[in-house]
Protein backbone atom coordinates (compact mmCIF):
# COMPACT_ATOMS: atom_id res chain seq x y z
CA MET A 1 7.28 -14.63 29.81
CA HIS A 2 7.61 -13.40 26.25
CA MET A 3 8.73 -16.71 24.82
CA HIS A 4 5.65 -18.32 26.38
CA HIS A 5 3.43 -15.76 24.69
CA LYS A 6 5.11 -16.27 21.33
CA VAL A 7 4.70 -20.05 21.50
CA TRP A 8 0.99 -19.71 22.07
CA LYS A 9 0.78 -17.06 19.38
CA ALA A 10 2.49 -19.42 16.95
CA LEU A 11 0.00 -22.18 17.76
CA TYR A 12 -2.92 -19.86 17.26
CA GLY A 13 -1.35 -18.67 14.00
CA LEU A 14 -1.05 -22.29 12.79
CA ALA A 15 -4.68 -22.92 13.65
CA ALA A 16 -5.65 -19.78 11.75
CA LEU A 17 -3.71 -20.93 8.70
CA LEU A 18 -5.41 -24.33 8.77
CA PHE A 19 -8.79 -22.66 9.09
CA ALA A 20 -8.00 -20.34 6.20
CA ALA A 21 -7.02 -23.30 4.04
CA LEU A 22 -10.36 -24.91 4.75
CA ALA A 23 -12.28 -21.68 4.24
CA CYS A 24 -12.20 -21.65 0.46
CA ASN A 25 -8.97 -19.73 0.03
CA LYS A 26 -10.32 -16.61 1.68
CA GLY A 27 -6.91 -15.54 2.92
CA PHE A 28 -6.75 -12.49 0.71
CA ASP A 29 -10.03 -11.01 1.90
CA ARG A 30 -9.58 -7.48 3.12
CA ILE A 31 -12.05 -6.39 5.75
CA LEU A 32 -12.98 -2.75 5.71
CA GLU A 33 -14.31 -0.62 8.53
CA LYS A 34 -16.55 -2.59 10.83
CA ARG A 35 -19.93 -1.36 11.87
CA ASP A 36 -22.80 -3.13 13.56
CA TYR A 37 -23.28 -6.18 11.38
CA THR A 38 -26.77 -7.34 10.61
CA ASP A 39 -27.11 -10.12 8.08
CA THR A 40 -30.40 -10.58 6.29
CA THR A 41 -31.86 -13.96 5.54
CA SER A 42 -33.76 -12.38 2.67
CA SER A 43 -30.44 -11.43 1.06
CA ALA A 44 -29.12 -14.97 1.39
CA ALA A 45 -32.19 -16.39 -0.33
CA ARG A 46 -32.08 -14.11 -3.36
CA THR A 47 -30.61 -14.98 -6.73
CA PRO A 48 -27.18 -13.37 -7.14
CA LYS A 49 -26.63 -11.51 -10.42
CA VAL A 50 -23.98 -9.13 -11.73
CA LEU A 51 -23.77 -6.07 -13.95
CA TYR A 52 -20.10 -5.55 -14.83
CA ILE A 53 -19.14 -2.31 -16.60
CA VAL A 54 -15.66 -1.38 -17.85
CA VAL A 55 -14.96 2.24 -18.83
CA ASP A 56 -11.73 2.31 -20.81
CA GLY A 57 -9.25 5.07 -19.99
CA ALA A 58 -11.22 6.50 -17.08
CA ARG A 59 -8.68 8.03 -14.69
CA GLY A 60 -9.98 7.54 -11.18
CA GLN A 61 -9.20 10.98 -9.84
CA SER A 62 -10.67 12.65 -12.92
CA VAL A 63 -13.84 10.55 -12.65
CA ARG A 64 -14.15 11.61 -9.01
CA ASP A 65 -13.54 15.29 -9.82
CA ALA A 66 -16.08 15.24 -12.66
CA LYS A 67 -18.71 14.57 -9.96
CA PRO A 68 -20.69 12.04 -12.04
CA PRO A 69 -24.14 11.96 -10.40
CA THR A 70 -24.93 8.28 -11.01
CA LEU A 71 -21.62 7.01 -9.68
CA LEU A 72 -21.71 9.27 -6.65
CA GLN A 73 -25.20 8.03 -5.83
CA LEU A 74 -24.10 4.41 -6.21
CA ASN A 75 -21.26 5.03 -3.77
CA GLU A 76 -23.79 5.56 -1.01
CA HIS A 77 -24.08 1.74 -1.04
CA ALA A 78 -20.71 0.66 -2.37
CA ILE A 79 -17.15 -0.31 -1.68
CA TYR A 80 -15.32 2.19 -3.85
CA SER A 81 -11.97 3.75 -4.59
CA TRP A 82 -10.69 6.46 -6.90
CA TYR A 83 -7.17 5.11 -6.50
CA SER A 84 -7.26 1.70 -8.14
CA ILE A 85 -3.90 0.73 -9.58
CA THR A 86 -3.98 -0.74 -13.08
CA ASP A 87 -1.28 -2.61 -14.97
CA THR A 88 1.89 -0.65 -15.66
CA LEU A 89 1.87 -1.51 -19.39
CA THR A 90 -1.32 0.60 -19.68
CA LEU A 91 -2.34 -1.30 -22.81
CA ASP A 92 -6.00 -1.93 -23.59
CA ALA A 93 -5.50 -5.66 -24.08
CA THR A 94 -3.45 -6.15 -20.91
CA GLY A 95 -5.97 -4.17 -18.87
CA TRP A 96 -8.89 -6.16 -20.28
CA ALA A 97 -7.08 -9.44 -19.58
CA ASP A 98 -6.44 -8.42 -15.96
CA LEU A 99 -10.11 -7.54 -15.56
CA LEU A 100 -11.41 -10.77 -17.05
CA THR A 101 -8.89 -13.45 -16.08
CA GLY A 102 -8.23 -12.39 -12.47
CA VAL A 103 -4.47 -12.79 -12.91
CA HIS A 104 -1.60 -10.45 -13.76
CA LYS A 105 0.24 -10.31 -17.06
CA GLU A 106 3.02 -12.51 -15.71
CA LYS A 107 0.48 -15.34 -15.92
CA HIS A 108 -1.93 -14.51 -18.73
CA GLN A 109 0.91 -13.13 -20.92
CA VAL A 110 -1.28 -10.66 -22.80
CA LEU A 111 1.61 -8.25 -23.37
CA SER A 112 0.52 -6.57 -26.60
CA ASN A 113 -2.68 -5.37 -28.17
CA ASP A 114 -2.55 -8.20 -30.71
CA PHE A 115 -2.79 -10.79 -27.89
CA SER A 116 0.19 -12.71 -29.32
CA GLY A 117 1.88 -15.27 -27.07
CA ASN A 118 -0.93 -15.29 -24.53
CA LYS A 119 -1.66 -18.08 -22.07
CA LEU A 120 -5.41 -17.67 -21.97
CA ASP A 121 -5.84 -21.41 -22.28
CA THR A 122 -4.24 -21.79 -18.83
CA TYR A 123 -5.69 -18.59 -17.38
CA PRO A 124 -9.03 -18.16 -19.12
CA VAL A 125 -11.67 -15.47 -18.77
CA PHE A 126 -13.38 -16.22 -15.47
CA PHE A 127 -16.71 -16.78 -17.23
CA ARG A 128 -15.45 -20.35 -17.76
CA TYR A 129 -15.34 -20.99 -14.01
CA ILE A 130 -18.94 -19.86 -13.67
CA LYS A 131 -20.08 -22.06 -16.55
CA ASP A 132 -18.24 -25.08 -15.17
CA ARG A 133 -20.16 -24.79 -11.90
CA LYS A 134 -23.42 -23.29 -13.20
CA PRO A 135 -23.90 -24.26 -16.86
CA GLU A 136 -27.40 -22.77 -16.93
CA PHE A 137 -26.26 -19.35 -15.66
CA ARG A 138 -26.62 -16.83 -18.50
CA ILE A 139 -23.62 -14.65 -19.38
CA ALA A 140 -23.90 -11.88 -21.97
CA ALA A 141 -21.02 -9.63 -23.10
CA PHE A 142 -21.41 -6.37 -25.00
CA SER A 143 -18.11 -4.81 -26.05
CA SER A 144 -17.87 -1.45 -27.75
CA SER A 145 -14.37 -2.46 -28.89
CA ASN A 146 -14.30 -5.30 -31.40
CA ASP A 147 -10.93 -6.61 -30.24
CA LEU A 148 -12.24 -7.21 -26.73
CA GLY A 149 -15.16 -9.33 -27.82
CA ASN A 150 -13.40 -11.09 -30.68
CA ARG A 151 -10.00 -11.78 -29.11
CA LEU A 152 -10.69 -12.22 -25.38
CA ILE A 153 -14.30 -12.99 -24.42
CA THR A 154 -15.13 -16.69 -24.15
CA ASP A 155 -17.76 -18.85 -22.47
CA ALA A 156 -20.55 -16.31 -22.91
CA ASP A 157 -24.06 -17.13 -24.12
CA VAL A 158 -24.06 -13.79 -25.94
CA ASN A 159 -20.88 -12.08 -27.18
CA ARG A 160 -21.50 -9.01 -29.32
CA THR A 161 -19.23 -6.18 -30.47
CA PHE A 162 -20.16 -2.72 -31.78
CA GLY A 163 -17.21 -1.19 -33.65
CA GLY A 164 -16.58 1.49 -31.05
CA ASN A 165 -20.23 2.57 -30.77
CA ASP A 166 -20.86 3.02 -27.03
CA ALA A 167 -24.51 3.94 -27.51
CA ALA A 168 -25.19 0.73 -29.42
CA ALA A 169 -23.42 -1.36 -26.78
CA GLN A 170 -25.49 0.29 -24.06
CA ALA A 171 -28.73 -0.30 -25.99
CA ALA A 172 -27.93 -4.00 -26.32
CA ALA A 173 -27.19 -4.25 -22.60
CA LEU A 174 -30.49 -2.49 -21.82
CA ASN A 175 -32.32 -5.14 -23.84
CA GLU A 176 -30.44 -7.91 -22.03
CA LEU A 177 -31.56 -6.48 -18.69
CA LYS A 178 -35.17 -6.94 -19.79
CA LEU A 179 -34.68 -10.71 -19.86
CA ASP A 180 -35.70 -12.66 -16.78
CA SER A 181 -32.79 -15.02 -17.41
CA ALA A 182 -30.10 -12.31 -17.37
CA GLY A 183 -27.37 -13.43 -14.98
CA LEU A 184 -24.04 -11.71 -15.65
CA VAL A 185 -24.18 -8.73 -18.00
CA PHE A 186 -20.77 -7.44 -19.11
CA LEU A 187 -20.48 -4.09 -20.87
CA GLN A 188 -17.46 -2.12 -22.07
CA PHE A 189 -17.32 1.56 -23.13
CA LYS A 190 -14.59 3.13 -25.30
CA ASP A 191 -15.47 6.84 -25.72
CA VAL A 192 -13.78 8.10 -22.54
CA ASP A 193 -10.47 6.57 -23.62
CA GLN A 194 -10.81 8.03 -27.10
CA ALA A 195 -11.50 11.48 -25.70
CA GLY A 196 -8.49 11.21 -23.40
CA ALA A 197 -6.19 10.03 -26.17
CA ARG A 198 -7.28 12.92 -28.41
CA TYR A 199 -7.60 15.79 -25.94
CA GLY A 200 -5.96 14.79 -22.63
CA TYR A 201 -6.74 12.52 -19.68
CA ASP A 202 -7.80 15.07 -17.08
CA VAL A 203 -11.04 16.51 -15.75
CA SER A 204 -9.74 19.99 -16.67
CA VAL A 205 -10.06 18.98 -20.34
CA PRO A 206 -13.69 19.74 -21.35
CA GLN A 207 -13.96 16.93 -23.88
CA TYR A 208 -12.67 14.34 -21.41
CA LYS A 209 -14.96 15.51 -18.65
CA ALA A 210 -17.93 15.49 -21.04
CA ALA A 211 -17.15 11.91 -22.07
CA ILE A 212 -17.06 10.82 -18.41
CA LEU A 213 -20.42 12.46 -17.72
CA LYS A 214 -21.93 10.94 -20.87
CA VAL A 215 -20.97 7.44 -19.77
CA ASP A 216 -22.31 8.24 -16.32
CA GLY A 217 -25.63 8.99 -18.02
CA TYR A 218 -25.50 5.65 -19.82
CA ILE A 219 -24.90 3.92 -16.49
CA GLY A 220 -27.83 5.82 -14.99
CA LYS A 221 -30.14 4.37 -17.66
CA LEU A 222 -28.76 0.90 -17.03
CA MET A 223 -29.48 1.25 -13.32
CA GLU A 224 -33.03 2.32 -14.10
CA ALA A 225 -33.46 -0.76 -16.29
CA LEU A 226 -31.99 -3.00 -13.61
CA ARG A 227 -34.33 -1.67 -10.93
CA ALA A 228 -37.28 -1.96 -13.29
CA ARG A 229 -36.87 -5.71 -13.65
CA LYS A 230 -40.08 -7.42 -12.60
CA ASN A 231 -38.14 -9.89 -10.43
CA PHE A 232 -35.75 -7.30 -9.02
CA SER A 233 -37.02 -7.75 -5.46
CA GLY A 234 -36.09 -11.44 -5.61
CA GLU A 235 -32.62 -10.81 -7.04
CA ASP A 236 -29.35 -9.82 -5.41
CA TRP A 237 -27.46 -7.55 -7.81
CA LEU A 238 -23.81 -6.61 -7.61
CA VAL A 239 -22.83 -3.77 -9.93
CA VAL A 240 -19.13 -3.48 -10.71
CA ILE A 241 -17.84 -0.39 -12.49
CA THR A 242 -14.15 0.08 -13.22
CA ALA A 243 -11.46 1.12 -15.71
CA ASN A 244 -8.89 -0.86 -17.67
CA HIS A 245 -6.29 1.91 -17.26
CA GLY A 246 -5.92 5.66 -16.81
CA GLY A 247 -4.01 7.93 -19.13
CA PRO A 248 -1.05 10.30 -19.33
CA PHE A 249 -1.34 13.88 -18.12
CA PRO A 250 1.21 16.23 -16.50
CA VAL A 251 1.31 15.72 -12.73
CA ASP A 252 1.28 18.69 -10.36
CA PRO A 253 4.77 18.51 -8.78
CA ALA A 254 3.27 19.44 -5.41
CA LYS A 255 1.10 16.31 -5.54
CA ASP A 256 3.74 13.94 -6.90
CA ASP A 257 4.85 11.52 -4.18
CA HIS A 258 7.13 9.73 -6.64
CA THR A 259 5.26 6.45 -6.29
CA ILE A 260 2.94 4.55 -8.60
CA LEU A 261 0.08 6.40 -6.90
CA SER A 262 1.16 9.57 -8.69
CA ASP A 263 1.21 7.98 -12.16
CA PRO A 264 -2.01 9.02 -13.97
CA ARG A 265 -1.54 6.25 -16.53
CA VAL A 266 -2.25 3.56 -13.93
CA ASN A 267 -4.87 5.47 -11.92
CA GLY A 268 -8.19 3.67 -12.32
CA PHE A 269 -11.29 3.48 -10.16
CA THR A 270 -13.43 0.67 -8.76
CA ILE A 271 -17.03 0.62 -7.56
CA TYR A 272 -18.66 -2.47 -6.04
CA TYR A 273 -22.30 -1.48 -5.57
CA SER A 274 -25.07 -3.45 -3.90
CA PRO A 275 -28.27 -2.08 -2.33
CA VAL A 276 -27.35 -4.03 0.82
CA TYR A 277 -23.84 -2.55 1.21
CA GLU A 278 -22.78 0.00 3.76
CA PRO A 279 -20.55 2.61 2.06
CA SER A 280 -16.82 2.01 2.41
CA MET A 281 -14.32 4.25 0.69
CA ILE A 282 -10.90 2.74 0.09
CA ASP A 283 -8.77 5.86 0.23
CA LYS A 284 -5.39 6.46 -1.32
CA PRO A 285 -3.06 3.90 0.28
CA TYR A 286 -0.47 4.98 2.77
CA THR A 287 2.87 3.30 2.79
CA GLY A 288 3.59 1.36 5.94
CA ASN A 289 4.01 -2.06 7.49
CA ARG A 290 1.29 -4.66 7.23
CA TYR A 291 -0.36 -5.45 10.53
CA ALA A 292 -2.77 -8.39 10.72
CA GLY A 293 -4.57 -10.22 13.50
CA GLN A 294 -7.80 -10.23 15.47
CA ALA A 295 -9.05 -7.44 17.70
CA VAL A 296 -12.22 -6.16 19.37
CA ARG A 297 -13.88 -2.99 18.16
CA LEU A 298 -14.35 -0.69 21.16
CA HIS A 299 -17.31 1.58 20.57
CA ASP A 300 -20.64 3.02 21.73
CA ARG A 301 -21.42 4.48 25.13
CA ASP A 302 -23.16 4.02 28.48
CA ALA A 303 -25.12 0.73 28.71
CA ASN A 304 -24.30 -0.10 25.07
CA ALA A 305 -20.57 0.42 25.40
CA VAL A 306 -18.12 -2.23 24.28
CA ASN A 307 -15.09 -1.55 26.46
CA ALA A 308 -12.70 -3.32 28.81
CA VAL A 309 -11.62 -2.86 32.43
CA VAL A 310 -9.08 -4.34 34.83
CA PRO A 311 -11.45 -5.40 37.65
CA ASP A 312 -8.89 -5.12 40.45
CA ASP A 313 -5.35 -3.91 39.87
CA GLY A 314 -4.56 -3.64 43.58
CA GLY A 315 -3.27 -0.11 43.02
CA ASP A 316 -0.48 -1.34 40.76
CA TYR A 317 -1.26 1.38 38.20
CA ASN A 318 -1.40 4.26 40.67
CA PHE A 319 1.61 6.52 40.15
CA GLY A 320 1.07 9.17 42.82
CA ASP A 321 2.69 12.56 42.31
CA THR A 322 6.30 11.62 41.51
CA THR A 323 6.44 8.08 40.05
CA SER A 324 7.57 8.01 36.42
CA PHE A 325 5.77 5.78 33.94
CA THR A 326 5.22 5.22 30.23
CA VAL A 327 2.00 4.15 28.49
CA GLU A 328 2.12 2.97 24.88
CA PHE A 329 -0.33 1.24 22.56
CA LYS A 330 -1.50 0.90 18.99
CA VAL A 331 -4.84 2.28 17.91
CA LYS A 332 -6.88 2.39 14.72
CA VAL A 333 -9.58 5.08 14.71
CA ASN A 334 -12.74 4.33 12.74
CA PRO A 335 -15.09 6.99 11.37
CA GLY A 336 -17.46 8.38 13.98
CA PRO A 337 -21.17 9.23 13.91
CA LYS A 338 -20.59 12.07 11.46
CA GLY A 339 -19.05 9.66 8.99
CA ASP A 340 -15.60 11.19 9.39
CA TYR A 341 -12.81 11.04 11.94
CA THR A 342 -13.81 14.14 13.91
CA TYR A 343 -14.28 13.35 17.60
CA THR A 344 -15.02 15.38 20.72
CA TYR A 345 -13.28 14.11 23.86
CA PRO A 346 -13.96 10.33 23.98
CA SER A 347 -11.60 8.28 26.13
CA ILE A 348 -9.62 5.43 24.64
CA LEU A 349 -7.48 4.50 27.67
CA GLY A 350 -7.52 5.89 31.17
CA LYS A 351 -7.55 5.42 34.92
CA ARG A 352 -10.09 7.91 36.17
CA GLU A 353 -13.67 7.87 37.42
CA SER A 354 -14.86 10.05 34.57
CA PHE A 355 -13.57 12.64 32.15
CA ASP A 356 -15.34 15.45 33.99
CA PRO A 357 -13.23 18.19 35.62
CA GLY A 358 -12.22 17.60 39.21
CA LYS A 359 -11.72 13.85 38.85
CA PRO A 360 -8.18 12.67 39.69
CA GLY A 361 -6.36 10.44 37.24
CA TRP A 362 -5.34 10.41 33.61
CA VAL A 363 -7.00 9.61 30.32
CA MET A 364 -5.82 9.34 26.71
CA PHE A 365 -8.58 10.51 24.39
CA LEU A 366 -9.53 11.79 20.93
CA GLU A 367 -10.11 15.44 20.08
CA GLN A 368 -10.99 16.38 16.52
CA HIS A 369 -8.41 14.40 14.49
CA TYR A 370 -5.82 14.24 17.27
CA TRP A 371 -5.16 12.18 20.35
CA MET A 372 -4.26 13.76 23.68
CA ILE A 373 -3.53 12.87 27.28
CA ASN A 374 -5.41 14.66 30.08
CA PHE A 375 -4.73 14.84 33.83
CA GLY A 376 -7.43 15.74 36.36
CA GLN A 377 -7.49 16.59 40.04
CA VAL A 378 -10.05 17.48 42.71
CA GLY A 379 -10.70 21.23 42.76
CA LYS A 380 -8.52 21.83 39.72
CA GLY A 381 -9.07 22.16 36.00
CA ASN A 382 -7.76 19.61 33.58
CA ILE A 383 -4.27 19.78 32.07
CA GLN A 384 -3.67 18.09 28.76
CA VAL A 385 -0.86 17.52 26.28
CA LYS A 386 -1.50 17.09 22.57
CA GLY A 387 -0.42 14.12 20.49
CA ALA A 388 -0.76 13.98 16.70
CA ASP A 389 -3.33 13.46 13.94
CA ILE A 390 -4.30 9.76 13.75
CA SER A 391 -7.44 10.18 11.62
CA ASP A 392 -6.47 8.23 8.50
CA GLY A 393 -7.97 4.81 9.22
CA THR A 394 -4.62 3.10 9.74
CA TRP A 395 -2.93 1.82 12.89
CA HIS A 396 -0.76 4.23 14.85
CA ASP A 397 1.54 3.74 17.81
CA ILE A 398 0.94 6.37 20.50
CA ALA A 399 2.89 6.82 23.71
CA ALA A 400 2.91 9.11 26.73
CA VAL A 401 5.89 9.41 29.06
CA ILE A 402 5.41 10.94 32.50
CA LEU A 403 8.69 12.02 34.08
CA ASN A 404 10.27 14.33 36.66
CA ARG A 405 12.99 16.97 36.35
CA LYS A 406 14.59 19.27 38.88
CA ASP A 407 14.80 22.95 38.12
CA GLY A 408 17.77 25.15 38.92
CA ALA A 409 16.66 25.46 42.54
CA GLY A 410 16.46 21.70 42.92
CA ILE A 411 12.64 21.65 42.94
CA LEU A 412 11.03 18.64 41.25
CA HIS A 413 8.64 19.26 38.35
CA ARG A 414 6.51 16.65 36.59
CA TYR A 415 5.96 16.56 32.82
CA ALA A 416 4.10 14.55 30.22
CA ARG A 417 5.57 13.93 26.77
CA THR A 418 3.62 12.55 23.78
CA TYR A 419 4.81 10.49 20.80
CA THR A 420 3.11 9.19 17.65
CA ASN A 421 4.69 6.45 15.54
CA GLY A 422 7.90 6.95 17.49
CA VAL A 423 8.10 10.69 16.79
CA PHE A 424 8.01 13.20 19.67
CA ASN A 425 4.97 15.49 19.57
CA ASN A 426 4.65 17.77 22.61
CA GLU A 427 5.55 18.25 26.27
CA GLY A 428 3.54 19.86 29.04
CA GLU A 429 4.06 20.38 32.76
CA ILE A 430 1.56 18.60 35.04
CA THR A 431 3.14 19.31 38.43
CA ALA A 432 0.05 21.22 39.58
CA GLN A 433 -2.13 18.11 39.30
CA GLY A 434 -0.29 16.48 42.20
CA ASN A 435 -1.26 12.96 43.24
CA ILE A 436 -3.24 11.32 40.42
CA ASN A 437 -4.06 8.12 42.32
CA THR A 438 -7.59 6.75 42.02
CA MET A 439 -9.32 3.49 42.89
CA THR A 440 -11.11 3.59 39.53
CA PRO A 441 -10.09 0.64 37.33
CA LEU A 442 -7.89 0.97 34.29
CA THR A 443 -10.33 1.23 31.37
CA MET A 444 -10.01 0.82 27.60
CA GLY A 445 -12.73 2.44 25.55
CA PHE A 446 -15.76 4.33 26.86
CA LEU A 447 -15.36 6.41 30.01
CA PRO A 448 -18.22 8.67 31.18
CA GLY A 449 -18.01 12.44 31.10
CA SER A 450 -17.35 15.11 28.45
CA VAL A 451 -18.30 12.77 25.62
CA ASN A 452 -20.22 14.09 22.63
CA GLU A 453 -19.38 11.11 20.45
CA PRO A 454 -18.04 7.84 21.86
CA ALA A 455 -14.82 6.61 20.33
CA ASP A 456 -14.89 3.89 17.68
CA VAL A 457 -11.48 2.27 17.73
CA TYR A 458 -9.44 -0.90 17.65
CA MET A 459 -6.58 -1.11 20.14
CA SER A 460 -3.67 -3.48 20.60
CA GLU A 461 -0.19 -3.84 22.07
CA VAL A 462 -1.06 -1.91 25.24
CA LYS A 463 2.00 -1.57 27.47
CA ILE A 464 2.73 0.19 30.76
CA TRP A 465 6.25 0.60 32.13
CA ARG A 466 7.19 1.96 35.56
CA ALA A 467 10.04 3.83 33.89
CA VAL A 468 10.85 6.72 31.57
CA LEU A 469 11.42 5.36 28.07
CA PRO A 470 13.87 7.63 26.23
CA ASP A 471 13.05 9.05 22.81
CA SER A 472 15.51 6.73 21.09
CA THR A 473 13.88 3.59 22.55
CA ILE A 474 10.36 4.71 21.65
CA SER A 475 11.48 5.56 18.12
CA ALA A 476 13.30 2.25 17.62
CA HIS A 477 10.42 0.03 18.72
CA ALA A 478 7.24 2.01 17.99
CA CYS A 479 6.28 0.25 14.77
CA GLU A 480 7.02 -3.30 15.86
CA THR A 481 3.83 -5.36 15.84
CA GLU A 482 4.62 -7.23 19.04
CA LEU A 483 6.82 -6.62 22.06
CA SER A 484 10.26 -8.01 21.34
CA SER A 485 11.99 -10.18 23.91
CA ASP A 486 15.05 -7.93 23.74
CA HIS A 487 13.24 -4.64 24.37
CA PRO A 488 15.67 -2.75 26.64
CA TYR A 489 12.96 -1.84 29.17
CA ASN A 490 11.29 -5.24 29.58
CA ASP A 491 12.46 -5.43 33.18
CA TYR A 492 10.34 -2.35 33.97
CA LEU A 493 7.19 -3.66 32.28
CA ILE A 494 4.18 -3.85 34.63
CA GLY A 495 1.45 -4.51 32.05
CA TYR A 496 1.40 -5.94 28.53
CA TRP A 497 -1.88 -6.66 26.79
CA PRO A 498 -1.54 -7.62 23.09
CA CYS A 499 -5.38 -7.46 22.87
CA THR A 500 -5.20 -9.85 19.91
CA ASP A 501 -6.18 -13.05 21.77
CA GLY A 502 -8.79 -13.80 19.09
CA PHE A 503 -11.22 -15.50 21.47
CA GLY A 504 -12.64 -15.30 24.97
CA GLY A 505 -13.87 -12.46 27.12
CA GLN A 506 -10.63 -10.81 28.14
CA PHE A 507 -7.47 -9.12 26.94
CA THR A 508 -4.82 -11.32 28.57
CA ASP A 509 -2.03 -9.61 30.47
CA ASN A 510 1.30 -11.08 29.39
CA GLY A 511 3.13 -8.89 31.88
CA PRO A 512 4.34 -10.00 35.31
CA LEU A 513 1.29 -8.82 37.30
CA GLN A 514 -1.33 -10.79 35.32
CA HIS A 515 -4.04 -8.11 35.49
CA SER A 516 -6.13 -9.04 32.45
CA PHE A 517 -8.77 -6.71 31.06
CA SER A 518 -12.36 -7.99 31.17
CA LEU A 519 -14.40 -7.24 28.06
CA ARG A 520 -17.81 -5.65 28.54
CA GLY A 521 -20.78 -5.32 26.23
CA ALA A 522 -21.58 -7.13 22.97
CA TYR A 523 -17.95 -7.59 21.94
CA GLN A 524 -16.83 -9.49 18.85
CA TRP A 525 -13.39 -10.63 17.71
CA GLU A 526 -12.78 -9.34 14.20
CA ASP A 527 -10.03 -9.84 11.64
CA TYR A 528 -7.92 -6.88 10.65
CA ASN A 529 -5.24 -6.54 8.02
CA ASP A 530 -4.08 -2.99 7.75
CA LEU A 531 -1.13 -0.64 7.80
CA VAL A 532 0.72 0.48 10.90
CA CYS A 533 2.85 3.59 11.30
CA PRO A 534 2.41 5.18 7.88
CA PRO A 535 4.32 6.21 5.97
CA SER A 536 7.10 3.82 5.02
CA SER A 537 8.03 1.95 1.87
CA SER A 538 5.71 -0.85 0.80
CA ASP A 539 4.27 -2.45 -2.29
CA LEU A 540 1.54 0.12 -2.77
CA ALA A 541 -0.16 -1.83 -5.53
CA THR A 542 -1.19 -4.50 -3.03
CA LEU A 543 -2.95 -1.95 -0.83
CA ALA A 544 -5.41 -0.58 -3.38
CA PRO A 545 -8.03 -2.27 -5.59
CA GLN A 546 -6.62 -3.77 -8.75
CA PRO A 547 -8.29 -5.06 -11.93
CA THR A 548 -7.29 -8.61 -10.97
CA ASP A 549 -9.54 -8.41 -7.89
CA ILE A 550 -12.76 -8.28 -9.85
CA ALA A 551 -12.90 -11.91 -10.98
CA ARG A 552 -12.68 -13.09 -7.36
CA GLN A 553 -15.15 -10.45 -6.22
CA ILE A 554 -17.76 -11.60 -8.75
CA LEU A 555 -17.14 -15.31 -8.20
CA ASN A 556 -17.56 -14.74 -4.48
CA TRP A 557 -20.82 -12.87 -5.07
CA LEU A 558 -22.13 -15.68 -7.26
CA LYS A 559 -21.14 -18.21 -4.59
CA VAL A 560 -18.71 -19.93 -6.95
CA ILE A 561 -16.06 -21.27 -4.61
CA THR A 562 -12.58 -20.39 -5.82
CA ASP A 563 -10.40 -23.36 -6.65
CA THR A 564 -6.76 -22.88 -5.70
CA LYS A 565 -5.83 -24.56 -9.00
CA TRP A 566 -7.12 -21.49 -10.83
CA ASP A 567 -4.22 -19.57 -9.26
CA LEU A 568 -6.11 -16.28 -9.15
CA ASP A 569 -4.22 -13.19 -8.04
CA GLY A 570 -7.03 -11.00 -6.73
CA ARG A 571 -8.65 -10.52 -3.36
CA VAL A 572 -12.22 -10.01 -2.18
CA TRP A 573 -13.10 -6.67 -0.62
CA THR A 574 -15.92 -6.77 1.92
CA THR A 575 -18.02 -4.37 3.92
CA ASP A 576 -20.96 -4.56 6.30
CA TYR A 577 -24.56 -4.88 5.23
CA THR A 578 -27.18 -2.23 5.82
CA ASN A 579 -29.88 -2.76 8.41
CA LEU A 580 -32.48 -1.57 5.92
CA ALA A 581 -35.09 -3.81 4.35
CA HIS A 582 -34.46 -4.04 0.64
């Protein structure tokens, strides 16, 4: 059974690789939280343009804590992160080269501030790629630092430097934004870095905070000028704001996780703003295994619900009052209607008519930031057992084991035990609930009753065993991304739904009973590429925005198809579009 599934999975994986190769090298795209997607033909018809701003030495966490009003307002329509990871050399020149070539220092070889020994002829500033495809597209660069403009910038129609005078650089950029022909406007500021170097790179240092807020004011004026363009309504602007590196400052030992994420010298920030973007915050990365595939977002409620049911299981998932069983699956919780991960009682998997009291059956659900399992019965209140916090936007493995034990008098008692990412959480007795059989179908996603906010989740690797899985087995296999053929309890498996089919209207059952889930509502198969079972060791720098991403992000915005020969290192970060007219 499992070998058959893996063969098909391999074939689908090969097809996906071929498609990715044909799809303009989009394999590194990272899809953020999915909401209802509404494309706009007006957006597609507009002229794409870019304002690209680099703030030297702006530590991401300090920028966040300074509460800069312009940047915070932009983040209402932006993909953004205060945890970008910059190059470990933390040199101006290396940081600038990362930002403008789209490759790491191992390729561009800008390893010193004098640019000696570089390979910028092989890995040029990405302006060249734009000019090769769109010779008429205007590019203007305004660098406060002379070295940036004189030693690195190429292929720009305008390339001016200002001897460290941020105000003069901003004034020149403001004039550029008055031109109808402005296409890509690049601007670099130096004062924040100078304040950090002199006084300290932390928001607690008044001079550093003041420099951050001053640049934020400059950016505010630039945004006013951008929006005042007479053709603004016919243009599609992407505004990129970032840092070339952070800066040294003593780290609070209580906040030091001993990874690169705790090094203030490499802590930058990234903002990709567009009026058509839904906000998506890329939070501090968790360590963990990569988990990629295609899944269906289960969300909404009542007639609008996207959920899944087993139409007729023939009673195979009824476990009476004494039968032991184990339910396990992976789930990624998305932010709810409040914009956070706080939920009130929505079901994610259950076999029960509704979540209301007095209904026999069981349901696994979300409460606040936790998951729980609840057991109901006619004429009785609900009994529930708490799981763990799964509110961080990553994939978690959750499991519930229902088992029996005899007490000292030989009387049988029934219990439920919960596990998250292979770790035991809690145990509760459910003997009083008796026979939990119900003719209601097994349901993933929305279930009526006791729902203030419907769940918004992705689910995968759903498994049901007619057996008690011991703690050691759950721990050993929890973070595997597919059921292994040598799992010690495979002989007891009565349902296995990977839920990653990638096509069609069902979640195929790869277990022996062949009870597939039928999808309901306006479902869509969506790519995911996330972490599962945080925390564990990983290359954290690949999980957060990096300066090398920006070249690809801008080329993608300008519809300049990336050539694999350019050997770019970055990835494109995407989000959904707003439903608002703009």
